[in-house]
């Protein structure tokens, strides 16, 4: 029996774009990087990837009304053409965290993180380890035991009244930390603070990414080895009906080797952590964080309010320019991200008048969409999405009527953030996907 579903997916991190064999100019049959068994993907119907690269030759001269077979744009291996295919792959998976770090000792080796790292720039705190509060401050500042454990722009996690909260460092002076948006209450002496790993869109320039990944998609009756796979878009989706956060990656693949095989399935390797969900966590939205005319001043210490969130979605699209190169079978040497766009939506659990004027005033606010997972006191659990300067793109005063009661809908994009004092990444980054780090 053959099925049309992805049964398992493996991911290898490529050391060079496409993982080309230097002696043959072909993608390697066995990836250079370790082939990690991925988090299980959505088992919905799959469009089998890989379209043959062909040239239509019916425009050439011929002496009858017949058709000519298309000609492969490929090379031969002996007498036979190498089956060159390209295409896109769509993968949907839950956002599972590293947890205790047994299955995956480092979040950077987790397949989900590696796939995202083909479009987003990674940041991991150099001075690994949790910290504890040395001196009580305010809801936007405290004195750390060691300020060296943090970086400006670095997100962190704390647990207040059994709920997980997140904020981002905007200034470090010695051991004194300032952050924004505000927590629900000031931290207490000896309270644990957890720095986080991040994937970011930097403020200046383009993301520094890994070259590509190799995907091995396995099913019953088929297998597809996808070389030079890089993300062209990623979409995050949450609904209170399911409570958990899912991500969908669209990946461009430079070369796809498709085979009809009897059974190519492999066991799925789960990380130790839980799946991100919006339980015992908050949607935090700051007070005004600047306008189109006056960006926020650094260091930002914006007051904030926690809201109930019914739905959340965000899509990032990455405009890319392919670098053509005839040196290898795939006909390209890599790509450059030249632009990106973001389109998001948050629907509150009820209505709020706080945002009714934001569209017309050009108000920017910090959105922190907080999620929980597993045991919140575990370093490798929890995560959040931070939009430091969200801009409203439609009229919030016009209520959402998707349910039988009225709700406030915040449709947003990603604006210009100037609230951090340091010019080194991740400071002033425009988008931050933050993970609990197992130190």
Protein backbone atom coordinates (compact mmCIF):
# COMPACT_ATOMS: atom_id res chain seq x y z
CA UNK A 1 0.00 0.00 0.00
CA UNK A 2 1.21 3.51 -0.81
CA UNK A 3 -0.14 6.66 0.84
CA UNK A 4 -0.03 10.35 -0.02
CA UNK A 5 0.95 11.51 3.47
CA UNK A 6 4.29 12.49 4.99
CA UNK A 7 5.02 9.75 7.49
CA UNK A 8 8.34 11.15 8.65
CA UNK A 9 10.73 13.98 7.82
CA UNK A 10 14.46 14.19 8.39
CA UNK A 11 16.56 17.33 8.28
CA UNK A 12 20.32 17.83 7.79
CA UNK A 13 22.09 21.17 8.20
CA UNK A 14 24.20 21.83 5.09
CA UNK A 15 27.72 23.18 5.39
CA UNK A 16 27.42 24.74 1.92
CA UNK A 17 24.43 25.60 -0.26
CA UNK A 18 22.89 22.50 -1.81
CA UNK A 19 25.47 20.19 -0.19
CA UNK A 20 27.20 19.63 -3.55
CA UNK A 21 29.81 16.90 -3.99
CA UNK A 22 32.93 18.76 -5.19
CA UNK A 23 34.10 15.79 -7.28
CA UNK A 24 30.83 15.24 -9.20
CA UNK A 25 28.98 18.58 -9.05
CA UNK A 26 25.89 16.69 -7.85
CA UNK A 27 24.01 16.88 -4.56
CA UNK A 28 25.43 14.23 -2.24
CA UNK A 29 23.44 11.03 -1.90
CA UNK A 30 24.18 11.07 1.83
CA UNK A 31 24.06 14.56 3.42
CA UNK A 32 27.27 15.92 4.95
CA UNK A 33 25.39 17.09 8.02
CA UNK A 34 23.82 14.79 10.58
CA UNK A 35 20.37 13.69 9.41
CA UNK A 36 18.12 14.49 12.37
CA UNK A 37 14.71 12.88 12.67
CA UNK A 38 12.26 15.76 12.71
CA UNK A 39 9.27 16.61 14.81
CA UNK A 40 6.26 14.92 13.29
CA UNK A 41 4.62 17.04 10.60
CA UNK A 42 0.98 17.57 9.77
CA UNK A 43 -0.43 14.44 8.11
CA UNK A 44 -2.59 16.29 5.64
CA UNK A 45 -2.62 15.52 1.93
CA UNK A 46 0.77 16.23 0.38
CA UNK A 47 1.46 17.59 -3.07
CA UNK A 48 4.38 15.37 -3.96
CA UNK A 49 7.34 17.69 -4.55
CA UNK A 50 9.60 17.87 -7.56
CA UNK A 51 8.81 19.14 -11.07
CA UNK A 52 11.08 18.04 -13.89
CA UNK A 53 13.13 20.87 -15.46
CA UNK A 54 12.25 20.60 -19.16
CA UNK A 55 12.54 22.64 -22.35
CA UNK A 56 9.63 22.66 -24.81
CA UNK A 57 11.07 22.05 -28.29
CA UNK A 58 7.85 22.15 -30.34
CA UNK A 59 8.86 25.53 -31.78
CA UNK A 60 11.65 23.91 -33.83
CA UNK A 61 11.22 23.08 -37.51
CA UNK A 62 9.58 19.72 -38.24
CA UNK A 63 8.10 18.09 -41.35
CA UNK A 64 4.71 17.09 -39.94
CA UNK A 65 1.98 17.92 -37.41
CA UNK A 66 3.47 15.81 -34.67
CA UNK A 67 4.88 16.85 -31.34
CA UNK A 68 8.44 16.59 -30.14
CA UNK A 69 9.12 15.23 -26.66
CA UNK A 70 10.33 17.86 -24.18
CA UNK A 71 14.06 17.94 -23.62
CA UNK A 72 15.44 17.66 -20.09
CA UNK A 73 17.57 20.61 -18.95
CA UNK A 74 19.99 18.28 -17.28
CA UNK A 75 23.10 16.19 -17.73
CA UNK A 76 23.61 12.54 -18.50
CA UNK A 77 25.10 9.90 -16.28
CA UNK A 78 26.29 7.46 -18.91
CA UNK A 79 23.40 6.93 -21.35
CA UNK A 80 20.65 8.20 -19.05
CA UNK A 81 19.64 11.71 -18.07
CA UNK A 82 19.98 12.67 -14.44
CA UNK A 83 16.44 13.34 -13.27
CA UNK A 84 16.70 16.99 -12.35
CA UNK A 85 13.69 18.28 -10.43
CA UNK A 86 13.01 21.47 -8.50
CA UNK A 87 10.02 22.69 -6.53
CA UNK A 88 8.63 23.76 -3.20
CA UNK A 89 7.83 21.85 -0.04
CA UNK A 90 5.29 22.86 2.60
CA UNK A 91 5.73 21.54 6.15
CA UNK A 92 3.41 22.21 9.08
CA UNK A 93 4.51 21.23 12.57
CA UNK A 94 3.87 22.16 16.20
CA UNK A 95 6.40 24.37 17.95
CA UNK A 96 8.07 21.92 20.34
CA UNK A 97 10.83 23.09 22.71
CA UNK A 98 14.19 21.51 23.52
CA UNK A 99 13.23 20.76 27.14
CA UNK A 100 15.87 18.98 29.19
CA UNK A 101 18.21 18.64 26.24
CA UNK A 102 18.48 14.84 26.08
CA UNK A 103 17.06 14.13 22.62
CA UNK A 104 18.61 17.36 21.32
CA UNK A 105 21.39 18.85 23.42
CA UNK A 106 21.24 22.19 21.61
CA UNK A 107 18.20 23.91 20.17
CA UNK A 108 20.24 24.80 17.07
CA UNK A 109 20.28 21.12 16.07
CA UNK A 110 16.51 20.81 16.37
CA UNK A 111 15.03 20.43 12.86
CA UNK A 112 12.41 23.15 13.36
CA UNK A 113 15.06 25.66 14.48
CA UNK A 114 17.43 24.67 11.65
CA UNK A 115 14.73 25.13 8.99
CA UNK A 116 13.84 28.58 10.34
CA UNK A 117 17.56 29.47 10.42
CA UNK A 118 17.66 29.42 6.59
CA UNK A 119 15.72 32.73 6.67
CA UNK A 120 16.20 34.13 10.18
CA UNK A 121 19.44 35.01 11.94
CA UNK A 122 20.29 33.09 15.09
CA UNK A 123 21.31 34.60 18.41
CA UNK A 124 22.43 32.59 21.42
CA UNK A 125 23.57 34.25 24.63
CA UNK A 126 27.35 33.98 24.93
CA UNK A 127 27.40 33.81 28.74
CA UNK A 128 25.06 30.84 29.14
CA UNK A 129 23.12 30.26 32.31
CA UNK A 130 20.25 31.61 34.37
CA UNK A 131 20.60 34.60 36.67
CA UNK A 132 18.93 35.71 39.89
CA UNK A 133 17.73 39.15 40.93
CA UNK A 134 20.20 40.87 43.26
CA UNK A 135 18.24 44.07 43.98
CA UNK A 136 14.56 44.84 43.58
CA UNK A 137 13.81 47.51 41.00
CA UNK A 138 10.67 48.35 39.04
CA UNK A 139 8.51 46.56 36.49
CA UNK A 140 11.05 47.59 33.82
CA UNK A 141 14.37 47.37 35.67
CA UNK A 142 16.35 45.43 38.28
CA UNK A 143 19.93 44.72 39.31
CA UNK A 144 21.14 41.32 38.16
CA UNK A 145 23.68 39.15 39.93
CA UNK A 146 25.63 39.14 36.64
CA UNK A 147 24.71 41.56 33.87
CA UNK A 148 27.20 39.72 31.63
CA UNK A 149 24.65 36.94 31.21
CA UNK A 150 22.46 39.21 29.10
CA UNK A 151 22.71 41.17 25.85
CA UNK A 152 20.77 44.21 24.71
CA UNK A 153 17.88 42.92 22.60
CA UNK A 154 17.94 39.59 24.44
CA UNK A 155 14.54 38.24 25.51
CA UNK A 156 14.17 36.64 28.92
CA UNK A 157 11.60 34.58 30.79
CA UNK A 158 10.39 34.93 34.38
CA UNK A 159 7.66 33.19 36.36
CA UNK A 160 5.26 35.46 38.27
CA UNK A 161 2.32 34.03 40.22
CA UNK A 162 2.74 30.70 38.43
CA UNK A 163 2.49 32.31 34.99
CA UNK A 164 5.28 32.80 32.51
CA UNK A 165 6.09 36.36 31.34
CA UNK A 166 8.59 37.71 28.82
CA UNK A 167 10.36 40.98 28.13
CA UNK A 168 13.47 42.19 26.25
CA UNK A 169 16.60 43.94 27.51
CA UNK A 170 16.94 47.52 26.22
CA UNK A 171 19.98 48.64 28.24
CA UNK A 172 22.74 47.16 30.40
CA UNK A 173 24.84 49.34 32.69
CA UNK A 174 27.06 47.13 34.80
CA UNK A 175 24.59 44.73 36.42
CA UNK A 176 21.58 47.05 36.07
CA UNK A 177 19.14 45.82 33.44
CA UNK A 178 16.42 47.87 31.80
CA UNK A 179 13.74 46.16 29.74
CA UNK A 180 10.55 46.68 27.80
CA UNK A 181 7.65 46.06 27.83
CA UNK A 182 6.95 46.11 31.56
CA UNK A 183 6.29 42.98 33.58
CA UNK A 184 3.08 42.68 35.58
CA UNK A 185 4.99 43.32 38.83
CA UNK A 186 8.55 44.06 39.94
CA UNK A 187 10.81 41.03 40.40
CA UNK A 188 11.84 39.97 43.90
CA UNK A 189 15.29 39.24 45.32
CA UNK A 190 16.63 35.81 44.27
CA UNK A 191 13.94 35.41 41.59
CA UNK A 192 15.27 33.37 38.66
CA UNK A 193 15.63 35.08 35.26
CA UNK A 194 16.04 32.88 32.17
CA UNK A 195 17.82 34.34 29.08
CA UNK A 196 16.49 32.93 25.79
CA UNK A 197 17.80 31.87 22.40
CA UNK A 198 16.42 33.86 19.49
CA UNK A 199 15.89 33.87 15.74
CA UNK A 200 15.71 37.46 14.51
CA UNK A 201 15.30 39.81 11.59
CA UNK A 202 18.11 42.34 12.22
CA UNK A 203 17.51 46.06 12.13
CA UNK A 204 20.21 46.70 9.54
CA UNK A 205 21.18 44.60 6.55
CA UNK A 206 19.91 41.10 5.87
CA UNK A 207 19.86 38.05 8.16
CA UNK A 208 23.03 35.97 8.43
CA UNK A 209 21.70 32.47 7.89
CA UNK A 210 22.90 28.91 7.38
CA UNK A 211 23.29 28.08 3.65
CA UNK A 212 20.45 25.53 3.38
CA UNK A 213 19.11 22.27 4.74
CA UNK A 214 18.57 18.90 3.14
CA UNK A 215 15.14 17.38 3.70
CA UNK A 216 14.33 13.71 3.41
CA UNK A 217 10.56 13.31 3.22
CA UNK A 218 9.45 9.75 3.78
CA UNK A 219 6.16 8.05 3.02
CA UNK A 220 4.78 4.61 2.41
CA UNK A 221 5.58 4.01 -1.24
CA UNK A 222 7.71 7.10 -1.88
CA UNK A 223 10.70 9.16 -0.75
CA UNK A 224 11.87 12.65 -1.71
CA UNK A 225 15.39 13.93 -0.99
CA UNK A 226 15.27 17.74 -1.22
CA UNK A 227 18.64 19.49 -1.50
CA UNK A 228 19.33 23.20 -1.08
CA UNK A 229 16.06 23.76 0.82
CA UNK A 230 15.55 27.31 2.11
CA UNK A 231 12.54 29.06 3.62
CA UNK A 232 10.60 31.50 1.43
CA UNK A 233 7.83 32.07 3.96
CA UNK A 234 6.83 30.97 7.44
CA UNK A 235 3.40 31.27 9.02
CA UNK A 236 2.52 31.02 12.71
CA UNK A 237 -1.03 30.19 13.75
CA UNK A 238 -2.78 29.93 17.11
CA UNK A 239 -6.45 29.54 18.01
CA UNK A 240 -7.94 29.32 21.49
CA UNK A 241 -9.84 26.26 20.27
CA UNK A 242 -6.61 24.27 19.92
CA UNK A 243 -4.50 26.41 22.32
CA UNK A 244 -1.20 25.36 20.73
CA UNK A 245 1.06 27.22 18.28
CA UNK A 246 1.85 25.73 14.86
CA UNK A 247 4.23 26.89 12.15
CA UNK A 248 4.09 26.27 8.41
CA UNK A 249 7.28 26.55 6.37
CA UNK A 250 7.32 27.01 2.60
CA UNK A 251 10.73 25.92 1.29
CA UNK A 252 12.30 26.34 -2.13
CA UNK A 253 14.37 23.29 -3.09
CA UNK A 254 17.22 23.53 -5.60
CA UNK A 255 17.16 19.82 -6.45
CA UNK A 256 14.69 17.04 -5.60
CA UNK A 257 15.41 13.37 -6.06
CA UNK A 258 12.04 11.60 -6.03
CA UNK A 259 11.76 7.83 -5.76
CA UNK A 260 8.92 5.32 -5.58
CA UNK A 261 10.09 2.91 -2.91
CA UNK A 262 8.37 0.24 -0.87
CA UNK A 263 8.81 1.77 2.58
CA UNK A 264 11.19 4.56 3.55
CA UNK A 265 9.74 5.55 6.91
CA UNK A 266 11.88 6.36 9.93
CA UNK A 267 10.98 6.76 13.58
CA UNK A 268 10.09 10.28 14.69
CA UNK A 269 12.43 11.68 17.36
CA UNK A 270 10.64 13.93 19.82
CA UNK A 271 12.46 16.65 21.70
CA UNK A 272 12.14 16.52 25.48
CA UNK A 273 10.18 19.76 25.69
CA UNK A 274 6.50 20.45 25.38
CA UNK A 275 4.59 22.06 22.52
CA UNK A 276 4.06 25.81 22.86
CA UNK A 277 0.55 26.71 23.98
CA UNK A 278 -1.12 29.87 25.24
CA UNK A 279 -2.01 28.66 28.74
CA UNK A 280 -0.75 30.36 31.93
CA UNK A 281 0.90 32.96 29.69
CA UNK A 282 0.03 36.40 28.36
CA UNK A 283 -0.41 38.56 25.33
CA UNK A 284 1.43 41.69 26.46
CA UNK A 285 0.98 44.96 24.57
CA UNK A 286 2.92 48.07 25.50
CA UNK A 287 1.70 51.60 25.79
CA UNK A 288 2.63 53.90 22.92
CA UNK A 289 6.06 52.99 21.60
CA UNK A 290 6.53 55.95 19.28
CA UNK A 291 4.71 57.04 16.14
CA UNK A 292 5.51 57.27 12.45
CA UNK A 293 6.88 60.77 13.14
CA UNK A 294 8.67 60.12 16.44
CA UNK A 295 10.23 56.67 17.01
CA UNK A 296 10.66 55.51 20.60
CA UNK A 297 13.75 56.76 22.46
CA UNK A 298 16.35 54.39 23.91
CA UNK A 299 16.42 52.84 26.39
CA UNK A 300 12.73 52.01 26.18
CA UNK A 301 10.88 51.14 29.40
CA UNK A 302 7.31 51.02 28.15
CA UNK A 303 4.41 50.37 30.46
CA UNK A 304 2.23 47.48 29.32
CA UNK A 305 -1.07 45.68 29.76
CA UNK A 306 -1.83 41.95 29.55
CA UNK A 307 -4.76 40.95 27.32
CA UNK A 308 -6.77 37.82 26.61
CA UNK A 309 -6.02 36.52 23.10
CA UNK A 310 -8.50 34.50 21.06
CA UNK A 311 -6.60 34.12 17.77
CA UNK A 312 -3.14 34.90 16.45
CA UNK A 313 -1.53 34.56 13.03
CA UNK A 314 1.62 35.94 11.46
CA UNK A 315 3.19 35.32 8.06
CA UNK A 316 6.72 36.36 7.13
CA UNK A 317 7.58 36.39 3.41
CA UNK A 318 11.21 36.57 2.30
CA UNK A 319 12.05 38.06 -1.07
CA UNK A 320 15.13 36.31 -2.41
CA UNK A 321 17.50 36.75 -5.33
CA UNK A 322 19.07 33.54 -6.64
CA UNK A 323 22.78 33.57 -7.47
CA UNK A 324 23.07 31.66 -10.73
CA UNK A 325 26.11 29.45 -11.25
CA UNK A 326 26.75 26.66 -13.75
CA UNK A 327 29.45 25.02 -11.64
CA UNK A 328 27.12 22.35 -10.29
CA UNK A 329 24.08 20.34 -11.26
CA UNK A 330 21.65 22.70 -9.52
CA UNK A 331 22.67 25.76 -11.57
CA UNK A 332 22.95 28.11 -8.61
CA UNK A 333 25.42 28.88 -5.86
CA UNK A 334 23.05 30.29 -3.27
CA UNK A 335 20.70 33.20 -2.71
CA UNK A 336 20.41 36.55 -1.00
CA UNK A 337 17.45 37.81 1.01
CA UNK A 338 16.74 41.25 -0.43
CA UNK A 339 13.52 42.16 1.37
CA UNK A 340 10.78 40.77 3.55
CA UNK A 341 7.20 41.52 4.47
CA UNK A 342 5.13 40.67 7.51
CA UNK A 343 1.38 40.41 7.88
CA UNK A 344 -0.15 39.53 11.24
CA UNK A 345 -3.44 39.49 13.09
CA UNK A 346 -4.36 39.32 16.76
CA UNK A 347 -7.99 39.01 17.83
CA UNK A 348 -8.62 39.78 21.46
CA UNK A 349 -11.01 37.75 23.57
CA UNK A 350 -13.31 40.78 23.84
CA UNK A 351 -13.21 44.46 22.96
CA UNK A 352 -10.85 47.24 23.96
CA UNK A 353 -10.89 50.94 23.14
CA UNK A 354 -7.15 51.31 23.83
CA UNK A 355 -6.21 50.90 20.15
CA UNK A 356 -9.08 52.73 18.44
CA UNK A 357 -6.91 55.69 17.32
CA UNK A 358 -3.72 53.75 16.49
CA UNK A 359 -4.28 53.49 12.73
CA UNK A 360 -4.78 57.22 12.22
CA UNK A 361 -2.09 58.33 14.66
CA UNK A 362 0.53 55.90 13.34
CA UNK A 363 1.10 54.56 16.84
CA UNK A 364 3.64 51.77 17.28
CA UNK A 365 3.48 49.32 20.19
CA UNK A 366 5.49 46.33 21.35
CA UNK A 367 3.61 43.03 21.02
CA UNK A 368 4.85 40.07 23.06
CA UNK A 369 2.86 36.94 22.27
CA UNK A 370 3.78 34.65 25.14
CA UNK A 371 3.53 30.87 25.14
CA UNK A 372 4.12 28.18 27.72
CA UNK A 373 5.22 24.55 27.51
CA UNK A 374 6.01 21.71 29.88
CA UNK A 375 7.43 22.77 33.24
CA UNK A 376 7.92 26.53 33.08
CA UNK A 377 10.82 26.30 35.56
CA UNK A 378 12.79 24.20 33.05
CA UNK A 379 15.33 26.35 31.18
CA UNK A 380 14.48 24.66 27.87
CA UNK A 381 10.74 25.36 28.02
CA UNK A 382 8.62 28.30 26.95
CA UNK A 383 8.81 30.67 24.01
CA UNK A 384 7.45 33.92 22.66
CA UNK A 385 7.16 36.01 19.53
CA UNK A 386 8.21 39.65 19.95
CA UNK A 387 7.30 42.46 17.55
CA UNK A 388 9.16 45.42 19.14
CA UNK A 389 7.40 48.04 16.99
CA UNK A 390 4.12 46.67 15.66
CA UNK A 391 2.22 49.01 13.34
CA UNK A 392 -1.55 48.78 12.95
CA UNK A 393 -2.64 48.28 9.32
CA UNK A 394 -6.46 48.33 9.58
CA UNK A 395 -9.03 50.12 11.72
CA UNK A 396 -9.33 48.47 15.19
CA UNK A 397 -12.36 50.63 16.00
CA UNK A 398 -14.26 48.54 13.47
CA UNK A 399 -14.94 45.45 15.56
CA UNK A 400 -14.52 41.86 14.43
CA UNK A 401 -17.81 39.97 13.99
CA UNK A 402 -16.39 36.52 13.24
CA UNK A 403 -18.14 35.15 16.32
CA UNK A 404 -21.51 35.94 17.85
CA UNK A 405 -19.91 38.56 20.12
CA UNK A 406 -17.83 41.59 19.17
CA UNK A 407 -14.04 41.38 19.36
CA UNK A 408 -11.17 43.81 18.74
CA UNK A 409 -8.99 42.82 15.79
CA UNK A 410 -5.43 44.12 15.54
CA UNK A 411 -4.06 43.62 12.04
CA UNK A 412 -0.42 44.60 12.09
CA UNK A 413 2.91 44.80 10.33
CA UNK A 414 6.48 45.19 11.58
CA UNK A 415 7.72 48.73 12.12
CA UNK A 416 10.93 50.57 12.95
CA UNK A 417 12.34 49.91 16.45
CA UNK A 418 14.85 52.26 18.07
CA UNK A 419 14.37 51.43 21.74
CA UNK A 420 17.68 49.58 22.41
CA UNK A 421 20.93 51.30 23.38
CA UNK A 422 23.36 48.88 21.71
CA UNK A 423 23.93 48.71 17.95
CA UNK A 424 24.97 45.04 17.98
CA UNK A 425 22.50 42.26 17.13
CA UNK A 426 20.05 41.36 18.51
CA UNK A 427 19.65 45.01 19.61
CA UNK A 428 17.00 46.91 17.63
CA UNK A 429 16.03 43.71 15.77
CA UNK A 430 12.62 44.00 14.11
CA UNK A 431 11.28 40.50 14.77
CA UNK A 432 12.27 37.99 17.48
CA UNK A 433 11.27 34.34 17.70
CA UNK A 434 12.41 33.33 21.17
CA UNK A 435 12.99 29.85 22.63
CA UNK A 436 13.74 28.51 26.08
CA UNK A 437 17.47 27.69 26.12
CA UNK A 438 18.85 24.54 27.78
CA UNK A 439 22.15 25.77 29.20
